[in-house]
Amino acid sequence: METILNSVDNLVDNEKTYEQAVDILKSGGLVAFPTETVYGLGAVATDEQAVRKIFEAKGRPADNPLIVHIGRKSDMERFVAEVPEVAEQLIEAFWPGPLTLVMEKKPGVIAETVTAGMVTVAIRMPDHPVALQLLKKLELPLAAPSANRSGKPSPTEAEHVYHDLFGRIPLILDGGATGIGVESTVLDITVTPPVILRPGGIVKEQLEALIGTVHLAAKSEDEIETPRAPGMKYTHYAPEAPLYVIESDASKLEDALDSIHRQGKRAAVIGPDELHTAKADWYFTTGALDSSEAMAAHLYKAIRQCDNTEADIILAIETDQAGIGAAVMNRLDKASDGKRYFE
C-alpha cells in the first residue's frame, strides 16, 4: 500500500486529515503520528488483528510489549484493574508527558499482543497536540511503538518514518520534529519501590522528588526472558556501521581518528559543538557539551545521518549521566551493543 505523508501547516485543526486517520484506524489499519518524544506507529489497542500489523510492519519480535496511548487521563480506568495512589500523584504531575506507567491490566480489554501475554499494561498520555487531537477524535486507545523498522534509530521527523515504512503503512501525520527526542520513561509501579524499566524524558530525580525512592532496573538484557517494557531485551537504535562510545575528551577523540585513518578507514562522529574536529570525515553535532537535553533531541537524527555517509566506523561521544543524560547513554549503549572505543 502506498504511504501518504500528510504534511499540513496547521495539522491540529485539519478536520479532513483526522477523519482520514480515524477511518484507517477504526478499519484495522495503521497510522504514524508525532509525539513529544518520537513518532509512534499506532493501531487500536483493543483490536488484536490491527495490533499484529504493527509487528509485521516493523519486523518487531512478538514478545516485545507495546505502550498504550490515551487522550484523556480518565481513560486509564478503562484498562487497568486498579489505579493506586502513587499513579494518581504521577499522573497529576507528569501527564500529559513522557512518562509511561506499568500497572496491572483489566482482563479482556487490551489485545493480548499489546502486553505480550503479561498481567500488566504500560500506559501513557502523550504531550503533543497532534497525538492528543487524534486520540480524542478516535475515542479509542492506541498501541504505539516507535514508527521505525525494528532495531533502527527511532524517528524524530516524519521523513524518518517515510524512509523506514514506505509502502508498509498508509498514512503518516507530519507534526514536524519532535521535541524531547528519546522515548518516554517507563516506570513499573506494581512493585515497591517503583522501578524505572527504561530511562527517558522524565528523569529519576523528578520522580523521587515526588514519590520518594525509585530504583533502576537491575537485570541485564540476557537475563530477561519476557521484557516488561519496550527496549529491555533487544538491540535497538543501531546504525549501519559499527558504533563505539568514546570518552568526552578532545585529544582522545583526535587520537582515535588518527588511528582509524591509519587503518585506511573513515569515521563519522556524533558529538557536541565544542569537540568538533576537522579530523572527522563527518561530524554531526548534538548541541552544547553541557546540554544532555540537546543531545537527546538530536541523537537519533545524527545516527540516521551517519547511515547516509560511507563511514566504516561511528564514534559517539558520551555525555553526563545526570538527568536525561541517563536516557541518552542508555540509547547509546544499545546502539553500540555496549562497545567502547579504546586505543
Protein backbone atom coordinates (compact mmCIF):
# COMPACT_ATOMS: atom_id res chain seq x y z
CA MET A 1 0.00 0.00 0.00
CA GLU A 2 1.31 3.47 -0.86
CA THR A 3 2.32 5.62 2.09
CA ILE A 4 0.83 9.12 2.22
CA LEU A 5 2.88 11.65 4.17
CA ASN A 6 0.24 14.22 5.13
CA SER A 7 2.11 17.45 5.74
CA VAL A 8 -0.24 20.27 6.71
CA ASP A 9 0.85 23.63 8.14
CA ASN A 10 -1.86 23.60 10.80
CA LEU A 11 -2.44 19.89 11.24
CA VAL A 12 -4.05 20.29 14.66
CA ASP A 13 -7.13 21.91 13.13
CA ASN A 14 -7.31 19.98 9.86
CA GLU A 15 -10.53 18.01 10.28
CA LYS A 16 -10.25 16.14 6.98
CA THR A 17 -6.83 14.78 7.90
CA TYR A 18 -8.05 13.48 11.24
CA GLU A 19 -11.14 11.94 9.66
CA GLN A 20 -8.86 10.06 7.28
CA ALA A 21 -6.65 8.86 10.14
CA VAL A 22 -9.61 7.80 12.29
CA ASP A 23 -11.20 5.91 9.39
CA ILE A 24 -7.96 4.00 8.78
CA LEU A 25 -7.54 3.12 12.46
CA LYS A 26 -11.17 2.06 13.00
CA SER A 27 -10.94 -0.18 9.95
CA GLY A 28 -7.97 -2.01 11.45
CA GLY A 29 -5.16 -0.05 9.78
CA LEU A 30 -2.00 1.69 10.97
CA VAL A 31 -1.23 5.40 11.23
CA ALA A 32 2.09 7.02 12.20
CA PHE A 33 1.81 10.15 14.32
CA PRO A 34 4.09 12.54 16.23
CA THR A 35 4.50 12.65 19.99
CA GLU A 36 6.74 14.84 22.12
CA THR A 37 9.31 12.01 22.27
CA VAL A 38 9.46 10.22 18.89
CA TYR A 39 6.98 9.32 16.15
CA GLY A 40 4.69 6.42 17.03
CA LEU A 41 3.10 3.73 14.87
CA GLY A 42 -0.46 3.36 16.07
CA ALA A 43 -3.15 0.69 15.91
CA VAL A 44 -6.30 0.41 18.01
CA ALA A 45 -5.09 -1.34 21.16
CA THR A 46 -8.28 -3.37 21.61
CA ASP A 47 -8.10 -4.82 18.08
CA GLU A 48 -5.88 -7.91 18.08
CA GLN A 49 -5.60 -8.16 14.29
CA ALA A 50 -4.75 -4.47 13.94
CA VAL A 51 -2.04 -4.72 16.60
CA ARG A 52 -0.45 -7.67 14.81
CA LYS A 53 0.03 -5.41 11.79
CA ILE A 54 2.37 -3.24 13.89
CA PHE A 55 4.69 -6.18 14.45
CA GLU A 56 4.55 -7.07 10.75
CA ALA A 57 5.29 -3.52 9.58
CA LYS A 58 8.18 -3.06 11.99
CA GLY A 59 9.57 -6.58 11.93
CA ARG A 60 9.26 -6.46 15.73
CA PRO A 61 9.58 -9.56 17.98
CA ALA A 62 6.18 -10.60 19.34
CA ASP A 63 7.39 -10.83 22.95
CA ASN A 64 8.28 -7.12 23.00
CA PRO A 65 5.32 -5.31 24.65
CA LEU A 66 3.76 -2.12 23.34
CA ILE A 67 2.76 1.09 25.10
CA VAL A 68 -0.91 2.09 25.11
CA HIS A 69 -1.52 5.80 24.40
CA ILE A 70 -4.65 7.54 25.69
CA GLY A 71 -6.08 11.00 25.09
CA ARG A 72 -7.62 11.71 28.49
CA LYS A 73 -6.37 10.94 31.99
CA SER A 74 -9.71 9.38 32.92
CA ASP A 75 -9.39 6.83 30.07
CA MET A 76 -6.84 4.88 32.08
CA GLU A 77 -9.52 3.47 34.39
CA ARG A 78 -10.96 1.54 31.44
CA PHE A 79 -7.78 -0.51 31.05
CA VAL A 80 -6.24 -1.07 34.49
CA ALA A 81 -7.50 -3.22 37.35
CA GLU A 82 -6.88 -0.51 39.94
CA VAL A 83 -5.40 2.99 39.98
CA PRO A 84 -3.08 3.16 43.00
CA GLU A 85 -2.47 6.41 44.86
CA VAL A 86 1.07 6.66 43.54
CA ALA A 87 -0.30 6.55 39.98
CA GLU A 88 -2.66 9.43 40.74
CA GLN A 89 0.26 11.51 42.05
CA LEU A 90 2.38 10.78 38.98
CA ILE A 91 -0.45 11.42 36.53
CA GLU A 92 -1.26 14.75 38.14
CA ALA A 93 2.36 15.84 37.94
CA PHE A 94 3.56 14.42 34.63
CA TRP A 95 0.59 13.76 32.29
CA PRO A 96 0.37 14.60 29.52
CA GLY A 97 4.08 13.93 29.17
CA PRO A 98 6.88 11.42 28.57
CA LEU A 99 6.07 9.07 31.46
CA THR A 100 4.70 5.56 30.89
CA LEU A 101 3.20 3.74 33.88
CA VAL A 102 3.15 -0.05 34.16
CA MET A 103 0.13 -1.29 36.13
CA GLU A 104 -1.97 -4.42 36.45
CA LYS A 105 -4.30 -4.61 33.47
CA LYS A 106 -8.03 -5.13 33.45
CA PRO A 107 -8.51 -8.60 31.88
CA GLY A 108 -10.12 -8.96 28.47
CA VAL A 109 -9.89 -5.34 27.31
CA ILE A 110 -6.49 -4.68 25.74
CA ALA A 111 -5.35 -7.06 22.98
CA GLU A 112 -3.07 -9.78 24.36
CA THR A 113 -0.40 -9.00 21.74
CA VAL A 114 -0.03 -5.49 23.21
CA THR A 115 1.03 -6.82 26.60
CA ALA A 116 2.96 -9.87 25.33
CA GLY A 117 0.64 -12.05 27.43
CA MET A 118 1.63 -10.41 30.73
CA VAL A 119 -0.74 -9.32 33.51
CA THR A 120 0.49 -5.73 33.28
CA VAL A 121 -0.07 -2.96 30.77
CA ALA A 122 2.05 0.12 30.02
CA ILE A 123 0.06 3.34 29.53
CA ARG A 124 0.90 6.95 28.81
CA MET A 125 -0.74 10.20 27.69
CA PRO A 126 1.47 11.95 25.11
CA ASP A 127 2.12 15.68 25.27
CA HIS A 128 1.74 16.61 21.61
CA PRO A 129 -1.23 18.48 20.09
CA VAL A 130 -1.46 16.19 17.05
CA ALA A 131 -1.32 12.98 19.12
CA LEU A 132 -3.89 14.28 21.61
CA GLN A 133 -6.24 15.51 18.88
CA LEU A 134 -6.04 12.15 17.13
CA LEU A 135 -6.70 10.20 20.32
CA LYS A 136 -9.62 12.38 21.35
CA LYS A 137 -11.28 12.13 17.94
CA LEU A 138 -10.68 8.38 17.78
CA GLU A 139 -12.01 7.81 21.33
CA LEU A 140 -10.05 4.56 21.46
CA PRO A 141 -6.62 3.67 22.89
CA LEU A 142 -3.68 3.35 20.53
CA ALA A 143 -0.93 0.78 20.90
CA ALA A 144 2.11 2.57 19.51
CA PRO A 145 5.79 1.71 19.48
CA SER A 146 8.24 3.94 17.61
CA ALA A 147 7.45 4.19 13.90
CA ASN A 148 10.64 2.64 12.52
CA ARG A 149 11.88 -0.73 11.38
CA SER A 150 12.74 -2.77 14.45
CA GLY A 151 16.31 -2.27 15.66
CA LYS A 152 16.84 1.00 13.79
CA PRO A 153 17.02 4.50 15.28
CA SER A 154 13.67 5.85 16.39
CA PRO A 155 12.17 8.52 14.09
CA THR A 156 12.10 12.13 15.25
CA GLU A 157 10.83 13.51 11.92
CA ALA A 158 8.08 12.33 9.57
CA GLU A 159 10.69 11.87 6.85
CA HIS A 160 12.40 9.21 9.01
CA VAL A 161 9.12 7.28 9.20
CA TYR A 162 8.65 7.59 5.44
CA HIS A 163 12.17 6.24 4.85
CA ASP A 164 11.64 3.20 7.08
CA LEU A 165 8.00 2.30 6.46
CA PHE A 166 7.16 3.44 2.93
CA GLY A 167 4.68 1.00 1.43
CA ARG A 168 4.09 -0.70 4.79
CA ILE A 169 1.62 1.81 6.26
CA PRO A 170 -0.99 4.02 4.58
CA LEU A 171 -0.63 7.36 6.43
CA ILE A 172 1.92 9.47 8.30
CA LEU A 173 0.77 12.58 10.16
CA ASP A 174 3.60 15.09 9.88
CA GLY A 175 3.82 17.21 13.03
CA GLY A 176 7.37 18.42 12.48
CA ALA A 177 10.43 17.45 14.51
CA THR A 178 9.76 16.00 17.95
CA GLY A 179 10.92 17.93 21.00
CA ILE A 180 12.45 15.52 23.51
CA GLY A 181 13.94 13.08 21.02
CA VAL A 182 14.19 9.96 23.19
CA GLU A 183 11.34 7.70 24.24
CA SER A 184 9.30 8.03 27.42
CA THR A 185 10.42 6.87 30.83
CA VAL A 186 8.78 3.55 31.69
CA LEU A 187 8.04 3.21 35.42
CA ASP A 188 6.77 -0.03 36.96
CA ILE A 189 4.51 0.89 39.88
CA THR A 190 3.35 -2.66 40.57
CA VAL A 191 6.39 -3.01 42.86
CA THR A 192 7.63 -1.06 45.89
CA PRO A 193 9.69 0.99 45.46
CA PRO A 194 8.80 1.65 41.82
CA VAL A 195 11.35 0.64 39.19
CA ILE A 196 12.44 2.51 36.06
CA LEU A 197 12.40 -0.14 33.33
CA ARG A 198 13.55 2.35 30.68
CA PRO A 199 15.00 5.82 31.36
CA GLY A 200 13.53 8.61 29.28
CA GLY A 201 12.06 12.10 29.24
CA ILE A 202 11.05 12.18 32.92
CA VAL A 203 14.22 11.64 34.94
CA LYS A 204 14.84 9.73 38.16
CA GLU A 205 15.40 12.93 40.14
CA GLN A 206 11.98 14.27 39.14
CA LEU A 207 10.25 11.06 40.15
CA GLU A 208 12.00 10.82 43.50
CA ALA A 209 11.20 14.44 44.32
CA LEU A 210 7.52 13.50 44.08
CA ILE A 211 7.19 9.90 45.33
CA GLY A 212 10.46 9.07 47.11
CA THR A 213 12.86 6.24 46.31
CA VAL A 214 12.84 4.90 42.77
CA HIS A 215 15.12 2.11 41.56
CA LEU A 216 16.61 1.45 38.14
CA ALA A 217 16.01 -1.98 36.60
CA ALA A 218 18.97 -4.15 37.59
CA LYS A 219 18.69 -7.15 35.26
CA SER A 220 20.93 -7.27 32.25
CA GLU A 221 19.32 -7.97 28.89
CA ASP A 222 20.50 -11.57 28.65
CA GLU A 223 18.71 -12.33 31.92
CA ILE A 224 15.37 -11.09 30.61
CA GLU A 225 13.11 -13.74 29.13
CA THR A 226 9.96 -11.66 28.72
CA PRO A 227 10.63 -7.91 28.82
CA ARG A 228 8.17 -5.88 30.88
CA ALA A 229 8.76 -2.76 28.79
CA PRO A 230 9.94 -1.85 25.29
CA GLY A 231 13.69 -1.59 24.82
CA MET A 232 14.70 -4.02 27.57
CA LYS A 233 15.68 -7.11 25.60
CA TYR A 234 16.61 -6.49 22.00
CA THR A 235 19.27 -4.43 20.24
CA HIS A 236 17.88 -1.03 19.32
CA TYR A 237 18.80 2.18 17.57
CA ALA A 238 21.68 0.59 15.60
CA PRO A 239 23.19 2.36 12.56
CA GLU A 240 24.63 0.51 9.57
CA ALA A 241 28.30 0.98 10.56
CA PRO A 242 29.56 -0.25 13.95
CA LEU A 243 29.15 2.41 16.62
CA TYR A 244 31.50 2.89 19.54
CA VAL A 245 31.07 5.18 22.54
CA ILE A 246 34.15 7.31 23.26
CA GLU A 247 35.13 9.47 26.21
CA SER A 248 34.37 13.19 26.03
CA ASP A 249 37.98 14.29 25.56
CA ALA A 250 39.27 16.21 22.54
CA SER A 251 42.76 14.69 22.50
CA LYS A 252 41.46 11.12 22.85
CA LEU A 253 38.97 11.73 20.05
CA GLU A 254 41.68 13.02 17.71
CA ASP A 255 43.99 10.13 18.63
CA ALA A 256 41.19 7.70 17.83
CA LEU A 257 40.55 9.34 14.47
CA ASP A 258 44.27 9.21 13.64
CA SER A 259 44.30 5.50 14.43
CA ILE A 260 41.21 4.84 12.31
CA HIS A 261 42.71 6.72 9.37
CA ARG A 262 45.99 4.77 9.65
CA GLN A 263 43.88 1.65 9.09
CA GLY A 264 42.56 3.15 5.87
CA LYS A 265 39.09 3.64 7.32
CA ARG A 266 36.73 6.61 7.54
CA ALA A 267 34.90 7.77 10.64
CA ALA A 268 31.71 9.66 11.41
CA VAL A 269 31.48 11.36 14.80
CA ILE A 270 28.38 12.21 16.83
CA GLY A 271 29.20 14.79 19.46
CA PRO A 272 28.85 18.27 20.95
CA ASP A 273 29.71 21.51 19.18
CA GLU A 274 32.78 22.10 21.33
CA LEU A 275 34.55 18.90 20.25
CA HIS A 276 34.05 19.40 16.52
CA THR A 277 37.23 18.43 14.72
CA ALA A 278 38.29 18.59 11.08
CA LYS A 279 39.91 15.17 11.54
CA ALA A 280 36.47 13.55 11.44
CA ASP A 281 35.36 12.57 7.95
CA TRP A 282 31.86 13.52 9.01
CA TYR A 283 30.87 15.28 12.24
CA PHE A 284 27.23 15.53 13.34
CA THR A 285 26.70 17.95 16.19
CA THR A 286 24.26 17.39 19.03
CA GLY A 287 24.37 20.83 20.62
CA ALA A 288 26.31 22.23 23.54
CA LEU A 289 28.62 19.98 25.56
CA ASP A 290 26.81 20.75 28.81
CA SER A 291 23.32 20.09 27.40
CA SER A 292 22.13 16.50 27.66
CA GLU A 293 18.71 17.78 26.57
CA ALA A 294 20.16 18.93 23.25
CA MET A 295 21.92 15.61 22.75
CA ALA A 296 18.68 13.75 23.45
CA ALA A 297 16.82 15.87 20.92
CA HIS A 298 19.40 15.35 18.17
CA LEU A 299 20.76 11.86 18.86
CA TYR A 300 18.55 9.72 16.62
CA LYS A 301 18.74 12.16 13.72
CA ALA A 302 22.54 12.15 13.99
CA ILE A 303 22.64 8.34 13.96
CA ARG A 304 20.46 8.34 10.84
CA GLN A 305 22.72 10.94 9.22
CA CYS A 306 25.65 8.58 9.78
CA ASP A 307 23.81 5.99 7.69
CA ASN A 308 23.86 8.44 4.77
CA THR A 309 27.68 8.52 4.80
CA GLU A 310 30.27 5.96 3.75
CA ALA A 311 31.74 5.76 7.25
CA ASP A 312 33.39 2.48 8.28
CA ILE A 313 33.02 3.31 11.96
CA ILE A 314 30.97 5.72 14.09
CA LEU A 315 32.24 7.33 17.27
CA ALA A 316 29.61 8.74 19.63
CA ILE A 317 30.88 10.98 22.39
CA GLU A 318 29.48 10.13 25.79
CA THR A 319 27.51 12.59 27.91
CA ASP A 320 27.00 13.04 31.64
CA GLN A 321 24.60 10.52 33.22
CA ALA A 322 22.74 13.18 35.22
CA GLY A 323 19.15 13.95 34.29
CA ILE A 324 18.16 12.94 30.77
CA GLY A 325 21.80 12.06 30.14
CA ALA A 326 20.96 8.65 31.64
CA ALA A 327 18.45 8.07 28.84
CA VAL A 328 20.93 9.25 26.20
CA MET A 329 23.62 6.86 27.47
CA ASN A 330 21.06 4.03 27.68
CA ARG A 331 20.30 4.51 23.98
CA LEU A 332 23.99 4.79 23.04
CA ASP A 333 24.78 1.61 24.97
CA LYS A 334 22.13 -0.20 22.94
CA ALA A 335 23.14 1.36 19.63
CA SER A 336 26.75 0.34 20.26
CA ASP A 337 25.86 -3.03 21.80
CA GLY A 338 27.99 -1.93 24.73
CA LYS A 339 31.13 -1.28 22.66
CA ARG A 340 33.53 1.46 23.78
CA TYR A 341 36.48 2.78 21.80
CA PHE A 342 39.86 2.31 23.48
CA GLU A 343 43.28 2.83 21.96
